[in-house]
Amino acid sequence: MTELITTASASPARSLAKTISWRVLGSLDTLLLGYIFTGSLKAAGSIASAEVVTKIILYYFHERGWAHIAWGTRVPKPLSAHPEPAPVSSDSQAR
C-alpha cells in the first residue's frame, strides 16, 4: 500500500535534503543573475557563495516552522478495498 506523505509528516532529514537541493538551484540562479548584473564572474561567485550558508539556515527553519502549521493541509484518507461497517450503537442492539 502506498503511504501518502504530507509536509506535516516530513522528517527533519527530508527537510534538510529539500533545503540543500533548493539551495543548489537558488545559488545557480544567484550566480547567473550576479553575472548578468555585474559582468564579472568573480563578483557573481562572491555574491552566490556569500548567500549559500545563510539561505540554507533560513530555509531549513522556514520549512520546519511550516511543518507545525496545519493550515492548508489535508488528513490523508486510508486506502482500503473494503470499507469498514459503521459501528452499531447500543440503542440498536437493545431492540
PDB file of N, CA and C in Angstrom:
ATOM      1  N   MET A   1       0.853  -1.180   0.000  1.00  0.00           N
ATOM      2  CA  MET A   1       0.000   0.000   0.000  1.00  0.00           C
ATOM      3  C   MET A   1       0.893   1.236   0.000  1.00  0.00           C
ATOM      4  N   THR A   2       0.538   2.200  -0.776  1.00  0.00           N
ATOM      5  CA  THR A   2       1.302   3.440  -0.870  1.00  0.00           C
ATOM      6  C   THR A   2       0.893   4.378   0.255  1.00  0.00           C
ATOM      7  N   GLU A   3       1.891   4.897   0.941  1.00  0.00           N
ATOM      8  CA  GLU A   3       1.629   5.820   2.044  1.00  0.00           C
ATOM      9  C   GLU A   3       1.735   7.249   1.532  1.00  0.00           C
ATOM     10  N   LEU A   4       0.760   8.068   1.869  1.00  0.00           N
ATOM     11  CA  LEU A   4       0.789   9.466   1.460  1.00  0.00           C
ATOM     12  C   LEU A   4       1.738  10.241   2.355  1.00  0.00           C
ATOM     13  N   ILE A   5       2.507  11.142   1.759  1.00  0.00           N
ATOM     14  CA  ILE A   5       3.441  11.980   2.515  1.00  0.00           C
ATOM     15  C   ILE A   5       2.917  13.403   2.495  1.00  0.00           C
ATOM     16  N   THR A   6       2.815  14.005   3.657  1.00  0.00           N
ATOM     17  CA  THR A   6       2.403  15.390   3.747  1.00  0.00           C
ATOM     18  C   THR A   6       3.539  16.195   4.350  1.00  0.00           C
ATOM     19  N   THR A   7       3.525  17.487   4.149  1.00  0.00           N
ATOM     20  CA  THR A   7       4.557  18.342   4.730  1.00  0.00           C
ATOM     21  C   THR A   7       4.574  18.215   6.241  1.00  0.00           C
ATOM     22  N   ALA A   8       3.393  18.070   6.852  1.00  0.00           N
ATOM     23  CA  ALA A   8       3.322  17.978   8.300  1.00  0.00           C
ATOM     24  C   ALA A   8       4.002  16.721   8.827  1.00  0.00           C
ATOM     25  N   SER A   9       4.136  15.680   7.988  1.00  0.00           N
ATOM     26  CA  SER A   9       4.760  14.454   8.456  1.00  0.00           C
ATOM     27  C   SER A   9       6.188  14.301   7.947  1.00  0.00           C
ATOM     28  N   ALA A  10       6.742  15.314   7.311  1.00  0.00           N
ATOM     29  CA  ALA A  10       8.091  15.226   6.773  1.00  0.00           C
ATOM     30  C   ALA A  10       9.113  15.185   7.904  1.00  0.00           C
ATOM     31  N   SER A  11      10.090  14.303   7.763  1.00  0.00           N
ATOM     32  CA  SER A  11      11.137  14.190   8.777  1.00  0.00           C
ATOM     33  C   SER A  11      12.134  15.340   8.629  1.00  0.00           C
ATOM     34  N   PRO A  12      12.890  15.606   9.694  1.00  0.00           N
ATOM     35  CA  PRO A  12      13.930  16.628   9.580  1.00  0.00           C
ATOM     36  C   PRO A  12      14.950  16.305   8.480  1.00  0.00           C
ATOM     37  N   ALA A  13      15.267  15.036   8.276  1.00  0.00           N
ATOM     38  CA  ALA A  13      16.219  14.656   7.223  1.00  0.00           C
ATOM     39  C   ALA A  13      15.660  15.002   5.844  1.00  0.00           C
ATOM     40  N   ARG A  14      14.357  14.763   5.632  1.00  0.00           N
ATOM     41  CA  ARG A  14      13.727  15.121   4.351  1.00  0.00           C
ATOM     42  C   ARG A  14      13.773  16.632   4.157  1.00  0.00           C
ATOM     43  N   SER A  15      13.471  17.379   5.216  1.00  0.00           N
ATOM     44  CA  SER A  15      13.529  18.842   5.133  1.00  0.00           C
ATOM     45  C   SER A  15      14.932  19.313   4.787  1.00  0.00           C
ATOM     46  N   LEU A  16      15.946  18.659   5.353  1.00  0.00           N
ATOM     47  CA  LEU A  16      17.328  19.034   5.072  1.00  0.00           C
ATOM     48  C   LEU A  16      17.688  18.729   3.612  1.00  0.00           C
ATOM     49  N   ALA A  17      17.269  17.571   3.093  1.00  0.00           N
ATOM     50  CA  ALA A  17      17.538  17.220   1.693  1.00  0.00           C
ATOM     51  C   ALA A  17      16.864  18.215   0.750  1.00  0.00           C
ATOM     52  N   LYS A  18      15.617  18.581   1.050  1.00  0.00           N
ATOM     53  CA  LYS A  18      14.918  19.569   0.241  1.00  0.00           C
ATOM     54  C   LYS A  18      15.616  20.926   0.323  1.00  0.00           C
ATOM     55  N   THR A  19      16.097  21.269   1.503  1.00  0.00           N
ATOM     56  CA  THR A  19      16.805  22.525   1.713  1.00  0.00           C
ATOM     57  C   THR A  19      18.042  22.592   0.827  1.00  0.00           C
ATOM     58  N   ILE A  20      18.827  21.533   0.817  1.00  0.00           N
ATOM     59  CA  ILE A  20      20.072  21.525   0.046  1.00  0.00           C
ATOM     60  C   ILE A  20      19.793  21.564  -1.454  1.00  0.00           C
ATOM     61  N   SER A  21      18.826  20.752  -1.924  1.00  0.00           N
ATOM     62  CA  SER A  21      18.540  20.741  -3.364  1.00  0.00           C
ATOM     63  C   SER A  21      17.996  22.098  -3.821  1.00  0.00           C
ATOM     64  N   TRP A  22      17.161  22.708  -3.009  1.00  0.00           N
ATOM     65  CA  TRP A  22      16.630  24.031  -3.346  1.00  0.00           C
ATOM     66  C   TRP A  22      17.741  25.070  -3.345  1.00  0.00           C
ATOM     67  N   ARG A  23      18.668  24.949  -2.383  1.00  0.00           N
ATOM     68  CA  ARG A  23      19.757  25.918  -2.281  1.00  0.00           C
ATOM     69  C   ARG A  23      20.694  25.841  -3.474  1.00  0.00           C
ATOM     70  N   VAL A  24      20.962  24.630  -3.972  1.00  0.00           N
ATOM     71  CA  VAL A  24      21.810  24.490  -5.157  1.00  0.00           C
ATOM     72  C   VAL A  24      21.164  25.221  -6.334  1.00  0.00           C
ATOM     73  N   LEU A  25      19.885  24.993  -6.536  1.00  0.00           N
ATOM     74  CA  LEU A  25      19.171  25.673  -7.620  1.00  0.00           C
ATOM     75  C   LEU A  25      19.175  27.187  -7.412  1.00  0.00           C
ATOM     76  N   GLY A  26      18.913  27.624  -6.193  1.00  0.00           N
ATOM     77  CA  GLY A  26      18.901  29.060  -5.887  1.00  0.00           C
ATOM     78  C   GLY A  26      20.257  29.706  -6.070  1.00  0.00           C
ATOM     79  N   SER A  27      21.319  28.991  -5.708  1.00  0.00           N
ATOM     80  CA  SER A  27      22.663  29.544  -5.852  1.00  0.00           C
ATOM     81  C   SER A  27      23.063  29.672  -7.316  1.00  0.00           C
ATOM     82  N   LEU A  28      22.653  28.708  -8.138  1.00  0.00           N
ATOM     83  CA  LEU A  28      22.918  28.818  -9.568  1.00  0.00           C
ATOM     84  C   LEU A  28      22.190  30.027 -10.157  1.00  0.00           C
ATOM     85  N   ASP A  29      20.972  30.251  -9.697  1.00  0.00           N
ATOM     86  CA  ASP A  29      20.209  31.418 -10.133  1.00  0.00           C
ATOM     87  C   ASP A  29      20.907  32.711  -9.707  1.00  0.00           C
ATOM     88  N   THR A  30      21.370  32.762  -8.468  1.00  0.00           N
ATOM     89  CA  THR A  30      22.068  33.943  -7.961  1.00  0.00           C
ATOM     90  C   THR A  30      23.360  34.182  -8.729  1.00  0.00           C
ATOM     91  N   LEU A  31      24.082  33.102  -9.024  1.00  0.00           N
ATOM     92  CA  LEU A  31      25.316  33.215  -9.790  1.00  0.00           C
ATOM     93  C   LEU A  31      25.041  33.802 -11.182  1.00  0.00           C
ATOM     94  N   LEU A  32      24.018  33.301 -11.838  1.00  0.00           N
ATOM     95  CA  LEU A  32      23.669  33.795 -13.173  1.00  0.00           C
ATOM     96  C   LEU A  32      23.239  35.263 -13.122  1.00  0.00           C
ATOM     97  N   LEU A  33      22.359  35.601 -12.182  1.00  0.00           N
ATOM     98  CA  LEU A  33      21.913  36.992 -12.065  1.00  0.00           C
ATOM     99  C   LEU A  33      23.065  37.923 -11.694  1.00  0.00           C
ATOM    100  N   GLY A  34      23.928  37.464 -10.784  1.00  0.00           N
ATOM    101  CA  GLY A  34      25.095  38.264 -10.407  1.00  0.00           C
ATOM    102  C   GLY A  34      25.986  38.545 -11.596  1.00  0.00           C
ATOM    103  N   TYR A  35      26.165  37.537 -12.450  1.00  0.00           N
ATOM    104  CA  TYR A  35      26.981  37.722 -13.646  1.00  0.00           C
ATOM    105  C   TYR A  35      26.315  38.679 -14.640  1.00  0.00           C
ATOM    106  N   ILE A  36      25.000  38.523 -14.815  1.00  0.00           N
ATOM    107  CA  ILE A  36      24.264  39.405 -15.728  1.00  0.00           C
ATOM    108  C   ILE A  36      24.353  40.862 -15.271  1.00  0.00           C
ATOM    109  N   PHE A  37      24.199  41.096 -13.969  1.00  0.00           N
ATOM    110  CA  PHE A  37      24.194  42.466 -13.457  1.00  0.00           C
ATOM    111  C   PHE A  37      25.582  43.088 -13.335  1.00  0.00           C
ATOM    112  N   THR A  38      26.595  42.277 -13.016  1.00  0.00           N
ATOM    113  CA  THR A  38      27.931  42.846 -12.800  1.00  0.00           C
ATOM    114  C   THR A  38      28.871  42.639 -13.982  1.00  0.00           C
ATOM    115  N   GLY A  39      28.607  41.615 -14.778  1.00  0.00           N
ATOM    116  CA  GLY A  39      29.514  41.298 -15.881  1.00  0.00           C
ATOM    117  C   GLY A  39      30.800  40.642 -15.407  1.00  0.00           C
ATOM    118  N   SER A  40      30.880  40.352 -14.132  1.00  0.00           N
ATOM    119  CA  SER A  40      32.092  39.756 -13.556  1.00  0.00           C
ATOM    120  C   SER A  40      31.754  38.407 -12.924  1.00  0.00           C
ATOM    121  N   LEU A  41      32.422  37.360 -13.397  1.00  0.00           N
ATOM    122  CA  LEU A  41      32.198  36.043 -12.818  1.00  0.00           C
ATOM    123  C   LEU A  41      32.710  35.984 -11.372  1.00  0.00           C
ATOM    124  N   LYS A  42      33.804  36.717 -11.105  1.00  0.00           N
ATOM    125  CA  LYS A  42      34.358  36.753  -9.745  1.00  0.00           C
ATOM    126  C   LYS A  42      33.366  37.399  -8.761  1.00  0.00           C
ATOM    127  N   ALA A  43      32.789  38.518  -9.141  1.00  0.00           N
ATOM    128  CA  ALA A  43      31.804  39.191  -8.283  1.00  0.00           C
ATOM    129  C   ALA A  43      30.559  38.320  -8.120  1.00  0.00           C
ATOM    130  N   ALA A  44      30.105  37.712  -9.216  1.00  0.00           N
ATOM    131  CA  ALA A  44      28.926  36.842  -9.157  1.00  0.00           C
ATOM    132  C   ALA A  44      29.174  35.653  -8.235  1.00  0.00           C
ATOM    133  N   GLY A  45      30.381  35.080  -8.318  1.00  0.00           N
ATOM    134  CA  GLY A  45      30.736  33.957  -7.443  1.00  0.00           C
ATOM    135  C   GLY A  45      30.784  34.366  -5.979  1.00  0.00           C
ATOM    136  N   SER A  46      31.293  35.561  -5.717  1.00  0.00           N
ATOM    137  CA  SER A  46      31.341  36.067  -4.339  1.00  0.00           C
ATOM    138  C   SER A  46      29.943  36.251  -3.766  1.00  0.00           C
ATOM    139  N   ILE A  47      29.061  36.818  -4.577  1.00  0.00           N
ATOM    140  CA  ILE A  47      27.675  37.028  -4.142  1.00  0.00           C
ATOM    141  C   ILE A  47      27.004  35.686  -3.877  1.00  0.00           C
ATOM    142  N   ALA A  48      27.131  34.751  -4.823  1.00  0.00           N
ATOM    143  CA  ALA A  48      26.472  33.448  -4.698  1.00  0.00           C
ATOM    144  C   ALA A  48      27.008  32.661  -3.504  1.00  0.00           C
ATOM    145  N   SER A  49      28.321  32.688  -3.293  1.00  0.00           N
ATOM    146  CA  SER A  49      28.886  31.908  -2.185  1.00  0.00           C
ATOM    147  C   SER A  49      28.573  32.534  -0.827  1.00  0.00           C
ATOM    148  N   ALA A  50      28.455  33.849  -0.776  1.00  0.00           N
ATOM    149  CA  ALA A  50      28.152  34.515   0.494  1.00  0.00           C
ATOM    150  C   ALA A  50      26.742  34.192   0.990  1.00  0.00           C
ATOM    151  N   GLU A  51      25.807  33.975   0.061  1.00  0.00           N
ATOM    152  CA  GLU A  51      24.434  33.750   0.487  1.00  0.00           C
ATOM    153  C   GLU A  51      24.086  32.283   0.720  1.00  0.00           C
ATOM    154  N   VAL A  52      24.963  31.359   0.359  1.00  0.00           N
ATOM    155  CA  VAL A  52      24.658  29.931   0.482  1.00  0.00           C
ATOM    156  C   VAL A  52      24.346  29.532   1.923  1.00  0.00           C
ATOM    157  N   VAL A  53      25.227  29.813   2.840  1.00  0.00           N
ATOM    158  CA  VAL A  53      25.056  29.361   4.224  1.00  0.00           C
ATOM    159  C   VAL A  53      23.836  29.988   4.877  1.00  0.00           C
ATOM    160  N   THR A  54      23.683  31.291   4.740  1.00  0.00           N
ATOM    161  CA  THR A  54      22.535  31.937   5.392  1.00  0.00           C
ATOM    162  C   THR A  54      21.214  31.459   4.811  1.00  0.00           C
ATOM    163  N   LYS A  55      21.162  31.250   3.508  1.00  0.00           N
ATOM    164  CA  LYS A  55      19.905  30.794   2.896  1.00  0.00           C
ATOM    165  C   LYS A  55      19.570  29.360   3.295  1.00  0.00           C
ATOM    166  N   ILE A  56      20.564  28.491   3.457  1.00  0.00           N
ATOM    167  CA  ILE A  56      20.306  27.119   3.914  1.00  0.00           C
ATOM    168  C   ILE A  56      19.692  27.149   5.310  1.00  0.00           C
ATOM    169  N   ILE A  57      20.272  27.925   6.179  1.00  0.00           N
ATOM    170  CA  ILE A  57      19.768  28.004   7.555  1.00  0.00           C
ATOM    171  C   ILE A  57      18.359  28.587   7.579  1.00  0.00           C
ATOM    172  N   LEU A  58      18.156  29.674   6.872  1.00  0.00           N
ATOM    173  CA  LEU A  58      16.832  30.296   6.843  1.00  0.00           C
ATOM    174  C   LEU A  58      15.769  29.357   6.270  1.00  0.00           C
ATOM    175  N   TYR A  59      16.072  28.678   5.168  1.00  0.00           N
ATOM    176  CA  TYR A  59      15.089  27.797   4.554  1.00  0.00           C
ATOM    177  C   TYR A  59      14.762  26.606   5.455  1.00  0.00           C
ATOM    178  N   TYR A  60      15.769  26.014   6.091  1.00  0.00           N
ATOM    179  CA  TYR A  60      15.537  24.870   6.969  1.00  0.00           C
ATOM    180  C   TYR A  60      14.552  25.246   8.082  1.00  0.00           C
ATOM    181  N   PHE A  61      14.798  26.355   8.754  1.00  0.00           N
ATOM    182  CA  PHE A  61      13.897  26.760   9.832  1.00  0.00           C
ATOM    183  C   PHE A  61      12.526  27.180   9.299  1.00  0.00           C
ATOM    184  N   HIS A  62      12.478  27.750   8.126  1.00  0.00           N
ATOM    185  CA  HIS A  62      11.210  28.091   7.485  1.00  0.00           C
ATOM    186  C   HIS A  62      10.406  26.813   7.224  1.00  0.00           C
ATOM    187  N   GLU A  63      11.057  25.806   6.659  1.00  0.00           N
ATOM    188  CA  GLU A  63      10.412  24.515   6.363  1.00  0.00           C
ATOM    189  C   GLU A  63       9.919  23.837   7.643  1.00  0.00           C
ATOM    190  N   ARG A  64      10.757  23.815   8.672  1.00  0.00           N
ATOM    191  CA  ARG A  64      10.368  23.161   9.921  1.00  0.00           C
ATOM    192  C   ARG A  64       9.245  23.939  10.617  1.00  0.00           C
ATOM    193  N   GLY A  65       9.272  25.235  10.518  1.00  0.00           N
ATOM    194  CA  GLY A  65       8.192  26.034  11.090  1.00  0.00           C
ATOM    195  C   GLY A  65       6.861  25.719  10.426  1.00  0.00           C
ATOM    196  N   TRP A  66       6.858  25.652   9.094  1.00  0.00           N
ATOM    197  CA  TRP A  66       5.628  25.332   8.373  1.00  0.00           C
ATOM    198  C   TRP A  66       5.150  23.911   8.663  1.00  0.00           C
ATOM    199  N   ALA A  67       6.054  23.017   9.040  1.00  0.00           N
ATOM    200  CA  ALA A  67       5.656  21.646   9.376  1.00  0.00           C
ATOM    201  C   ALA A  67       4.761  21.616  10.621  1.00  0.00           C
ATOM    202  N   HIS A  68       4.768  22.681  11.412  1.00  0.00           N
ATOM    203  CA  HIS A  68       3.948  22.757  12.625  1.00  0.00           C
ATOM    204  C   HIS A  68       2.641  23.527  12.408  1.00  0.00           C
ATOM    205  N   ILE A  69       2.398  23.955  11.197  1.00  0.00           N
ATOM    206  CA  ILE A  69       1.183  24.713  10.898  1.00  0.00           C
ATOM    207  C   ILE A  69       0.259  23.836  10.066  1.00  0.00           C
ATOM    208  N   ALA A  70      -0.944  23.596  10.576  1.00  0.00           N
ATOM    209  CA  ALA A  70      -1.881  22.702   9.895  1.00  0.00           C
ATOM    210  C   ALA A  70      -2.627  23.392   8.749  1.00  0.00           C
ATOM    211  N   TRP A  71      -2.613  24.703   8.697  1.00  0.00           N
ATOM    212  CA  TRP A  71      -3.366  25.436   7.690  1.00  0.00           C
ATOM    213  C   TRP A  71      -3.011  24.943   6.287  1.00  0.00           C
ATOM    214  N   GLY A  72      -4.018  24.629   5.503  1.00  0.00           N
ATOM    215  CA  GLY A  72      -3.823  24.226   4.117  1.00  0.00           C
ATOM    216  C   GLY A  72      -3.447  22.773   3.907  1.00  0.00           C
ATOM    217  N   THR A  73      -3.381  21.993   4.974  1.00  0.00           N
ATOM    218  CA  THR A  73      -3.058  20.573   4.825  1.00  0.00           C
ATOM    219  C   THR A  73      -4.326  19.749   4.926  1.00  0.00           C
ATOM    220  N   ARG A  74      -4.249  18.563   4.405  1.00  0.00           N
ATOM    221  CA  ARG A  74      -5.373  17.629   4.469  1.00  0.00           C
ATOM    222  C   ARG A  74      -4.915  16.351   5.150  1.00  0.00           C
ATOM    223  N   VAL A  75      -5.802  15.770   5.915  1.00  0.00           N
ATOM    224  CA  VAL A  75      -5.502  14.491   6.541  1.00  0.00           C
ATOM    225  C   VAL A  75      -5.732  13.417   5.487  1.00  0.00           C
ATOM    226  N   PRO A  76      -4.696  12.608   5.178  1.00  0.00           N
ATOM    227  CA  PRO A  76      -4.883  11.582   4.166  1.00  0.00           C
ATOM    228  C   PRO A  76      -5.893  10.534   4.611  1.00  0.00           C
ATOM    229  N   LYS A  77      -6.752  10.139   3.682  1.00  0.00           N
ATOM    230  CA  LYS A  77      -7.735   9.108   3.977  1.00  0.00           C
ATOM    231  C   LYS A  77      -7.091   7.755   3.735  1.00  0.00           C
ATOM    232  N   PRO A  78      -7.355   6.775   4.611  1.00  0.00           N
ATOM    233  CA  PRO A  78      -6.761   5.456   4.409  1.00  0.00           C
ATOM    234  C   PRO A  78      -7.299   4.821   3.128  1.00  0.00           C
ATOM    235  N   LEU A  79      -6.414   4.152   2.402  1.00  0.00           N
ATOM    236  CA  LEU A  79      -6.818   3.449   1.197  1.00  0.00           C
ATOM    237  C   LEU A  79      -7.236   2.039   1.598  1.00  0.00           C
ATOM    238  N   SER A  80      -8.490   1.706   1.351  1.00  0.00           N
ATOM    239  CA  SER A  80      -8.987   0.400   1.744  1.00  0.00           C
ATOM    240  C   SER A  80      -9.897  -0.143   0.653  1.00  0.00           C
ATOM    241  N   ALA A  81      -9.694  -1.408   0.299  1.00  0.00           N
ATOM    242  CA  ALA A  81     -10.537  -2.043  -0.713  1.00  0.00           C
ATOM    243  C   ALA A  81     -11.922  -2.355  -0.153  1.00  0.00           C
ATOM    244  N   HIS A  82     -11.982  -2.583   1.149  1.00  0.00           N
ATOM    245  CA  HIS A  82     -13.240  -2.931   1.799  1.00  0.00           C
ATOM    246  C   HIS A  82     -13.502  -1.970   2.947  1.00  0.00           C
ATOM    247  N   PRO A  83     -14.446  -1.055   2.765  1.00  0.00           N
ATOM    248  CA  PRO A  83     -14.726  -0.112   3.861  1.00  0.00           C
ATOM    249  C   PRO A  83     -15.275  -0.856   5.075  1.00  0.00           C
ATOM    250  N   GLU A  84     -14.883  -0.374   6.239  1.00  0.00           N
ATOM    251  CA  GLU A  84     -15.361  -0.984   7.480  1.00  0.00           C
ATOM    252  C   GLU A  84     -16.823  -0.610   7.697  1.00  0.00           C
ATOM    253  N   PRO A  85     -17.628  -1.577   8.231  1.00  0.00           N
ATOM    254  CA  PRO A  85     -19.031  -1.254   8.511  1.00  0.00           C
ATOM    255  C   PRO A  85     -19.127  -0.236   9.647  1.00  0.00           C
ATOM    256  N   ALA A  86     -20.195   0.532   9.614  1.00  0.00           N
ATOM    257  CA  ALA A  86     -20.421   1.531  10.664  1.00  0.00           C
ATOM    258  C   ALA A  86     -20.619   0.820  11.991  1.00  0.00           C
ATOM    259  N   PRO A  87     -20.105   1.388  13.070  1.00  0.00           N
ATOM    260  CA  PRO A  87     -20.297   0.758  14.389  1.00  0.00           C
ATOM    261  C   PRO A  87     -21.777   0.738  14.766  1.00  0.00           C
ATOM    262  N   VAL A  88     -22.151  -0.311  15.462  1.00  0.00           N
ATOM    263  CA  VAL A  88     -23.537  -0.471  15.898  1.00  0.00           C
ATOM    264  C   VAL A  88     -23.685   0.215  17.247  1.00  0.00           C
ATOM    265  N   SER A  89     -24.691   1.096  17.356  1.00  0.00           N
ATOM    266  CA  SER A  89     -24.892   1.803  18.615  1.00  0.00           C
ATOM    267  C   SER A  89     -25.608   0.894  19.606  1.00  0.00           C
ATOM    268  N   SER A  90     -25.497   1.225  20.876  1.00  0.00           N
ATOM    269  CA  SER A  90     -26.143   0.412  21.921  1.00  0.00           C
ATOM    270  C   SER A  90     -27.671   0.498  21.827  1.00  0.00           C
ATOM    271  N   ASP A  91     -28.214   1.586  21.260  1.00  0.00           N
ATOM    272  CA  ASP A  91     -29.678   1.717  21.100  1.00  0.00           C
ATOM    273  C   ASP A  91     -30.211   0.674  20.134  1.00  0.00           C
ATOM    274  N   SER A  92     -29.487   0.435  19.031  1.00  0.00           N
ATOM    275  CA  SER A  92     -29.986  -0.515  18.038  1.00  0.00           C
ATOM    276  C   SER A  92     -29.794  -1.950  18.501  1.00  0.00           C
ATOM    277  N   GLN A  93     -28.877  -2.220  19.428  1.00  0.00           N
ATOM    278  CA  GLN A  93     -28.674  -3.571  19.936  1.00  0.00           C
ATOM    279  C   GLN A  93     -29.770  -3.957  20.923  1.00  0.00           C
ATOM    280  N   ALA A  94     -30.351  -2.980  21.596  1.00  0.00           N
ATOM    281  CA  ALA A  94     -31.360  -3.252  22.623  1.00  0.00           C
ATOM    282  C   ALA A  94     -32.693  -3.651  22.001  1.00  0.00           C
ATOM    283  N   ARG A  95     -32.922  -3.374  20.739  1.00  0.00           N
ATOM    284  CA  ARG A  95     -34.211  -3.653  20.102  1.00  0.00           C
ATOM    285  C   ARG A  95     -34.309  -5.034  19.596  1.00  0.00           C
TER     286      ARG A  95
END
